[in-house]
Each structure stands twice: as C-alpha cells, then as structure tokens.
PDB file of N, CA and C in Angstrom:
ATOM      1  N   UNK A   1       2.799  -9.542   4.038  1.00  0.00           N
ATOM      2  CA  UNK A   1       2.011  -9.208   3.332  1.00  0.00           C
ATOM      3  C   UNK A   1       2.379  -9.657   1.799  1.00  0.00           C
ATOM      4  N   UNK A   2       1.447 -10.297   0.792  1.00  0.00           N
ATOM      5  CA  UNK A   2       1.964 -11.011  -0.386  1.00  0.00           C
ATOM      6  C   UNK A   2       1.383  -9.703  -1.721  1.00  0.00           C
ATOM      7  N   UNK A   3       2.160  -9.905  -2.453  1.00  0.00           N
ATOM      8  CA  UNK A   3       1.781  -9.150  -3.556  1.00  0.00           C
ATOM      9  C   UNK A   3       0.226  -9.411  -4.017  1.00  0.00           C
ATOM     10  N   UNK A   4      -0.652 -10.114  -3.899  1.00  0.00           N
ATOM     11  CA  UNK A   4      -1.945 -10.539  -4.094  1.00  0.00           C
ATOM     12  C   UNK A   4      -2.671  -9.656  -3.296  1.00  0.00           C
ATOM     13  N   UNK A   5      -2.268  -9.591  -2.150  1.00  0.00           N
ATOM     14  CA  UNK A   5      -2.927  -8.500  -1.335  1.00  0.00           C
ATOM     15  C   UNK A   5      -3.020  -7.219  -1.796  1.00  0.00           C
ATOM     16  N   UNK A   6      -1.965  -6.687  -2.204  1.00  0.00           N
ATOM     17  CA  UNK A   6      -1.667  -5.346  -2.553  1.00  0.00           C
ATOM     18  C   UNK A   6      -2.531  -5.336  -3.929  1.00  0.00           C
ATOM     19  N   UNK A   7      -2.550  -6.263  -5.086  1.00  0.00           N
ATOM     20  CA  UNK A   7      -3.562  -6.353  -5.947  1.00  0.00           C
ATOM     21  C   UNK A   7      -4.843  -6.146  -5.581  1.00  0.00           C
ATOM     22  N   UNK A   8      -5.053  -6.755  -4.415  1.00  0.00           N
ATOM     23  CA  UNK A   8      -6.501  -6.733  -4.126  1.00  0.00           C
ATOM     24  C   UNK A   8      -6.986  -5.508  -3.542  1.00  0.00           C
ATOM     25  N   UNK A   9      -5.950  -4.764  -3.057  1.00  0.00           N
ATOM     26  CA  UNK A   9      -6.311  -3.278  -2.481  1.00  0.00           C
ATOM     27  C   UNK A   9      -6.573  -2.293  -3.660  1.00  0.00           C
ATOM     28  N   UNK A  10      -5.499  -2.665  -4.698  1.00  0.00           N
ATOM     29  CA  UNK A  10      -5.825  -1.651  -5.661  1.00  0.00           C
ATOM     30  C   UNK A  10      -7.284  -1.831  -6.560  1.00  0.00           C
ATOM     31  N   UNK A  11      -7.329  -3.005  -6.513  1.00  0.00           N
ATOM     32  CA  UNK A  11      -8.841  -3.237  -7.075  1.00  0.00           C
ATOM     33  C   UNK A  11      -9.980  -2.814  -6.174  1.00  0.00           C
ATOM     34  N   UNK A  12      -9.582  -2.342  -4.994  1.00  0.00           N
ATOM     35  CA  UNK A  12     -10.689  -2.007  -3.813  1.00  0.00           C
ATOM     36  C   UNK A  12     -11.487  -3.010  -3.724  1.00  0.00           C
ATOM     37  N   UNK A  13     -10.999  -4.491  -3.781  1.00  0.00           N
ATOM     38  CA  UNK A  13     -11.615  -5.553  -3.064  1.00  0.00           C
ATOM     39  C   UNK A  13     -11.019  -5.735  -1.531  1.00  0.00           C
ATOM     40  N   UNK A  14     -10.449  -5.162  -0.898  1.00  0.00           N
ATOM     41  CA  UNK A  14     -10.130  -5.010   0.413  1.00  0.00           C
ATOM     42  C   UNK A  14      -9.858  -3.448   0.910  1.00  0.00           C
ATOM     43  N   UNK A  15     -10.337  -3.159   1.875  1.00  0.00           N
ATOM     44  CA  UNK A  15     -10.178  -1.721   2.180  1.00  0.00           C
ATOM     45  C   UNK A  15      -8.693  -1.373   2.786  1.00  0.00           C
ATOM     46  N   UNK A  16      -8.405  -0.035   2.811  1.00  0.00           N
ATOM     47  CA  UNK A  16      -6.683   0.009   3.091  1.00  0.00           C
ATOM     48  C   UNK A  16      -6.645   0.104   4.475  1.00  0.00           C
ATOM     49  N   UNK A  17      -7.744   0.124   5.573  1.00  0.00           N
ATOM     50  CA  UNK A  17      -7.343  -0.062   6.731  1.00  0.00           C
ATOM     51  C   UNK A  17      -7.083  -1.674   7.283  1.00  0.00           C
ATOM     52  N   UNK A  18      -7.314  -2.579   6.148  1.00  0.00           N
ATOM     53  CA  UNK A  18      -7.260  -3.876   6.510  1.00  0.00           C
ATOM     54  C   UNK A  18      -5.784  -4.233   6.082  1.00  0.00           C
ATOM     55  N   UNK A  19      -4.919  -3.145   5.775  1.00  0.00           N
ATOM     56  CA  UNK A  19      -3.496  -3.330   5.358  1.00  0.00           C
ATOM     57  C   UNK A  19      -2.413  -2.891   6.381  1.00  0.00           C
ATOM     58  N   UNK A  20      -1.600  -3.487   6.861  1.00  0.00           N
ATOM     59  CA  UNK A  20      -0.637  -3.305   7.652  1.00  0.00           C
ATOM     60  C   UNK A  20       0.664  -2.399   7.071  1.00  0.00           C
ATOM     61  N   UNK A  21       0.809  -1.241   7.256  1.00  0.00           N
ATOM     62  CA  UNK A  21       1.900  -0.478   6.958  1.00  0.00           C
ATOM     63  C   UNK A  21       3.090  -1.067   6.908  1.00  0.00           C
ATOM     64  N   UNK A  22       3.290  -1.797   7.910  1.00  0.00           N
ATOM     65  CA  UNK A  22       4.652  -2.121   8.322  1.00  0.00           C
ATOM     66  C   UNK A  22       4.899  -3.403   7.194  1.00  0.00           C
ATOM     67  N   UNK A  23       4.147  -4.244   7.062  1.00  0.00           N
ATOM     68  CA  UNK A  23       4.129  -5.416   5.728  1.00  0.00           C
ATOM     69  C   UNK A  23       4.556  -4.570   4.558  1.00  0.00           C
ATOM     70  N   UNK A  24       3.897  -3.424   4.159  1.00  0.00           N
ATOM     71  CA  UNK A  24       4.290  -2.621   2.755  1.00  0.00           C
ATOM     72  C   UNK A  24       5.524  -2.101   3.146  1.00  0.00           C
ATOM     73  N   UNK A  25       6.143  -1.634   4.296  1.00  0.00           N
ATOM     74  CA  UNK A  25       7.520  -1.286   4.476  1.00  0.00           C
ATOM     75  C   UNK A  25       8.479  -2.580   4.205  1.00  0.00           C
ATOM     76  N   UNK A  26       8.161  -3.618   4.581  1.00  0.00           N
ATOM     77  CA  UNK A  26       8.947  -4.935   4.404  1.00  0.00           C
ATOM     78  C   UNK A  26       8.830  -5.216   2.986  1.00  0.00           C
ATOM     79  N   UNK A  27       7.971  -5.193   2.306  1.00  0.00           N
ATOM     80  CA  UNK A  27       7.854  -5.535   0.931  1.00  0.00           C
ATOM     81  C   UNK A  27       8.818  -4.412   0.174  1.00  0.00           C
ATOM     82  N   UNK A  28       8.622  -3.255   0.504  1.00  0.00           N
ATOM     83  CA  UNK A  28       9.199  -2.142  -0.238  1.00  0.00           C
ATOM     84  C   UNK A  28      10.911  -2.312  -0.213  1.00  0.00           C
ATOM     85  N   UNK A  29      11.471  -2.962   1.095  1.00  0.00           N
ATOM     86  CA  UNK A  29      12.398  -3.098   1.351  1.00  0.00           C
ATOM     87  C   UNK A  29      13.021  -4.730   0.297  1.00  0.00           C
ATOM     88  N   UNK A  30      12.060  -5.381  -0.033  1.00  0.00           N
ATOM     89  CA  UNK A  30      12.583  -6.391  -0.628  1.00  0.00           C
ATOM     90  C   UNK A  30      12.554  -6.222  -2.373  1.00  0.00           C
ATOM     91  N   UNK A  31      11.592  -5.169  -2.354  1.00  0.00           N
ATOM     92  CA  UNK A  31      11.535  -4.952  -3.858  1.00  0.00           C
ATOM     93  C   UNK A  31      12.323  -3.722  -3.983  1.00  0.00           C
ATOM     94  N   UNK A  32      13.429  -3.285  -4.304  1.00  0.00           N
ATOM     95  CA  UNK A  32      13.838  -2.089  -4.515  1.00  0.00           C
ATOM     96  C   UNK A  32      14.182  -1.452  -6.118  1.00  0.00           C
ATOM     97  N   UNK A  33      13.766  -2.185  -6.746  1.00  0.00           N
ATOM     98  CA  UNK A  33      14.417  -1.947  -8.218  1.00  0.00           C
ATOM     99  C   UNK A  33      12.924  -1.262  -8.924  1.00  0.00           C
ATOM    100  N   UNK A  34      12.954   0.111  -8.781  1.00  0.00           N
ATOM    101  CA  UNK A  34      11.902   1.081  -9.360  1.00  0.00           C
ATOM    102  C   UNK A  34      11.258   0.685 -10.726  1.00  0.00           C
ATOM    103  N   UNK A  35      12.150   0.130 -11.557  1.00  0.00           N
ATOM    104  CA  UNK A  35      11.577  -0.778 -12.918  1.00  0.00           C
ATOM    105  C   UNK A  35      10.771  -1.705 -12.798  1.00  0.00           C
ATOM    106  N   UNK A  36      10.580  -2.439 -11.618  1.00  0.00           N
ATOM    107  CA  UNK A  36      10.003  -3.839 -11.559  1.00  0.00           C
ATOM    108  C   UNK A  36       8.595  -3.421 -11.230  1.00  0.00           C
ATOM    109  N   UNK A  37       7.784  -4.606 -11.799  1.00  0.00           N
ATOM    110  CA  UNK A  37       5.914  -4.581 -11.408  1.00  0.00           C
ATOM    111  C   UNK A  37       6.014  -4.440  -9.811  1.00  0.00           C
ATOM    112  N   UNK A  38       6.623  -5.070  -9.202  1.00  0.00           N
ATOM    113  CA  UNK A  38       6.577  -5.572  -7.778  1.00  0.00           C
ATOM    114  C   UNK A  38       6.943  -4.285  -6.921  1.00  0.00           C
ATOM    115  N   UNK A  39       7.906  -3.532  -7.374  1.00  0.00           N
ATOM    116  CA  UNK A  39       7.815  -2.390  -6.939  1.00  0.00           C
ATOM    117  C   UNK A  39       6.869  -1.223  -7.032  1.00  0.00           C
ATOM    118  N   UNK A  40       6.439  -1.381  -8.469  1.00  0.00           N
ATOM    119  CA  UNK A  40       5.228  -0.278  -8.619  1.00  0.00           C
ATOM    120  C   UNK A  40       4.171  -0.577  -8.029  1.00  0.00           C
ATOM    121  N   UNK A  41       3.801  -1.951  -7.623  1.00  0.00           N
ATOM    122  CA  UNK A  41       2.411  -2.444  -7.320  1.00  0.00           C
ATOM    123  C   UNK A  41       2.474  -1.865  -5.939  1.00  0.00           C
ATOM    124  N   UNK A  42       3.677  -2.167  -5.276  1.00  0.00           N
ATOM    125  CA  UNK A  42       3.868  -1.846  -3.658  1.00  0.00           C
ATOM    126  C   UNK A  42       3.680  -0.182  -3.486  1.00  0.00           C
ATOM    127  N   UNK A  43       4.463   0.589  -4.359  1.00  0.00           N
ATOM    128  CA  UNK A  43       4.436   1.869  -4.435  1.00  0.00           C
ATOM    129  C   UNK A  43       2.859   2.262  -4.450  1.00  0.00           C
ATOM    130  N   UNK A  44       2.128   1.978  -5.320  1.00  0.00           N
ATOM    131  CA  UNK A  44       0.728   2.376  -5.545  1.00  0.00           C
ATOM    132  C   UNK A  44      -0.160   1.920  -4.174  1.00  0.00           C
ATOM    133  N   UNK A  45       0.152   0.805  -3.475  1.00  0.00           N
ATOM    134  CA  UNK A  45      -0.433   0.161  -2.496  1.00  0.00           C
ATOM    135  C   UNK A  45      -0.188   1.119  -1.371  1.00  0.00           C
ATOM    136  N   UNK A  46       1.235   1.499  -1.156  1.00  0.00           N
ATOM    137  CA  UNK A  46       1.360   2.576  -0.357  1.00  0.00           C
ATOM    138  C   UNK A  46       0.958   3.808  -0.334  1.00  0.00           C
ATOM    139  N   UNK A  47       0.716   4.249  -1.462  1.00  0.00           N
ATOM    140  CA  UNK A  47      -0.025   5.470  -1.529  1.00  0.00           C
ATOM    141  C   UNK A  47      -1.607   5.613  -1.433  1.00  0.00           C
ATOM    142  N   UNK A  48      -2.300   4.473  -1.567  1.00  0.00           N
ATOM    143  CA  UNK A  48      -3.447   4.488  -1.262  1.00  0.00           C
ATOM    144  C   UNK A  48      -3.433   4.369   0.373  1.00  0.00           C
ATOM    145  N   UNK A  49      -2.862   3.544   1.052  1.00  0.00           N
ATOM    146  CA  UNK A  49      -2.947   3.287   2.325  1.00  0.00           C
ATOM    147  C   UNK A  49      -2.528   4.839   2.967  1.00  0.00           C
ATOM    148  N   UNK A  50      -1.590   5.406   2.692  1.00  0.00           N
ATOM    149  CA  UNK A  50      -0.908   6.599   3.271  1.00  0.00           C
ATOM    150  C   UNK A  50      -2.284   7.685   3.058  1.00  0.00           C
ATOM    151  N   UNK A  51      -2.712   7.811   1.820  1.00  0.00           N
ATOM    152  CA  UNK A  51      -3.698   8.952   1.475  1.00  0.00           C
ATOM    153  C   UNK A  51      -4.861   8.432   2.383  1.00  0.00           C
ATOM    154  N   UNK A  52      -5.391   7.330   2.703  1.00  0.00           N
ATOM    155  CA  UNK A  52      -6.483   7.180   3.411  1.00  0.00           C
ATOM    156  C   UNK A  52      -6.084   7.469   4.956  1.00  0.00           C
ATOM    157  N   UNK A  53      -5.114   7.318   5.401  1.00  0.00           N
ATOM    158  CA  UNK A  53      -4.614   7.828   6.687  1.00  0.00           C
ATOM    159  C   UNK A  53      -4.346   9.497   6.682  1.00  0.00           C
ATOM    160  N   UNK A  54      -4.020   9.881   5.501  1.00  0.00           N
ATOM    161  CA  UNK A  54      -4.195  11.628   5.555  1.00  0.00           C
ATOM    162  C   UNK A  54      -5.417  12.041   5.363  1.00  0.00           C
ATOM    163  N   UNK A  55      -6.309  11.604   4.858  1.00  0.00           N
ATOM    164  CA  UNK A  55      -7.744  11.885   4.766  1.00  0.00           C
ATOM    165  C   UNK A  55      -8.516  11.787   5.913  1.00  0.00           C
ATOM    166  N   UNK A  56      -8.287  10.771   6.855  1.00  0.00           N
ATOM    167  CA  UNK A  56      -8.615  10.247   8.143  1.00  0.00           C
ATOM    168  C   UNK A  56      -8.141  11.808   9.149  1.00  0.00           C
ATOM    169  N   UNK A  57      -6.678  12.074   9.220  1.00  0.00           N
ATOM    170  CA  UNK A  57      -6.109  12.988  10.018  1.00  0.00           C
ATOM    171  C   UNK A  57      -6.782  14.601   9.402  1.00  0.00           C
ATOM    172  N   UNK A  58      -7.133  14.710   8.182  1.00  0.00           N
ATOM    173  CA  UNK A  58      -7.431  15.981   7.539  1.00  0.00           C
ATOM    174  C   UNK A  58      -8.846  16.008   8.331  1.00  0.00           C
ATOM    175  N   UNK A  59      -9.789  15.160   8.430  1.00  0.00           N
ATOM    176  CA  UNK A  59     -10.897  15.260   8.909  1.00  0.00           C
ATOM    177  C   UNK A  59     -10.950  15.513  10.389  1.00  0.00           C
ATOM    178  N   UNK A  60      -9.897  15.619  11.095  1.00  0.00           N
ATOM    179  CA  UNK A  60      -9.807  15.767  12.473  1.00  0.00           C
ATOM    180  C   UNK A  60      -9.464  17.085  12.645  1.00  0.00           C
ATOM    181  N   UNK A  61      -8.579  17.723  11.916  1.00  0.00           N
ATOM    182  CA  UNK A  61      -7.875  18.976  11.969  1.00  0.00           C
ATOM    183  C   UNK A  61      -9.223  19.888  11.677  1.00  0.00           C
TER     184      UNK A  61
END
C-alpha cells in the first residue's frame, strides 16, 4: 500500500473494505516516527479500517 491510497481512504474516495490491513501494518512498521506526517496518515487510515470492522462485528452481536 502506498500513502496515496491512505489519503484516498481518508478522503472517502475508496471504501475501508478495499484496504488490506496487512499493508497498513507493513506501512506502520516502515514509518515509526510518531511525529511524521506519514505515521499520522497511517494511524488515521488504520483507525478508519479497524472502526469499520468493529461496526460490522457490533451489528452481528
């Protein structure tokens, strides 16, 4: 996954289900400086994707 895909996710240009969590994890391993814009972008993208999964699970319970 490239950072432009994360940006597209945040701008609602692509749906969260189109994102592979493993790619986000790999990006998080690459950008580990919490002060960097890349880190913050990945963190936000992960929150969006994980939030969507939690919404799905909550509907099932």
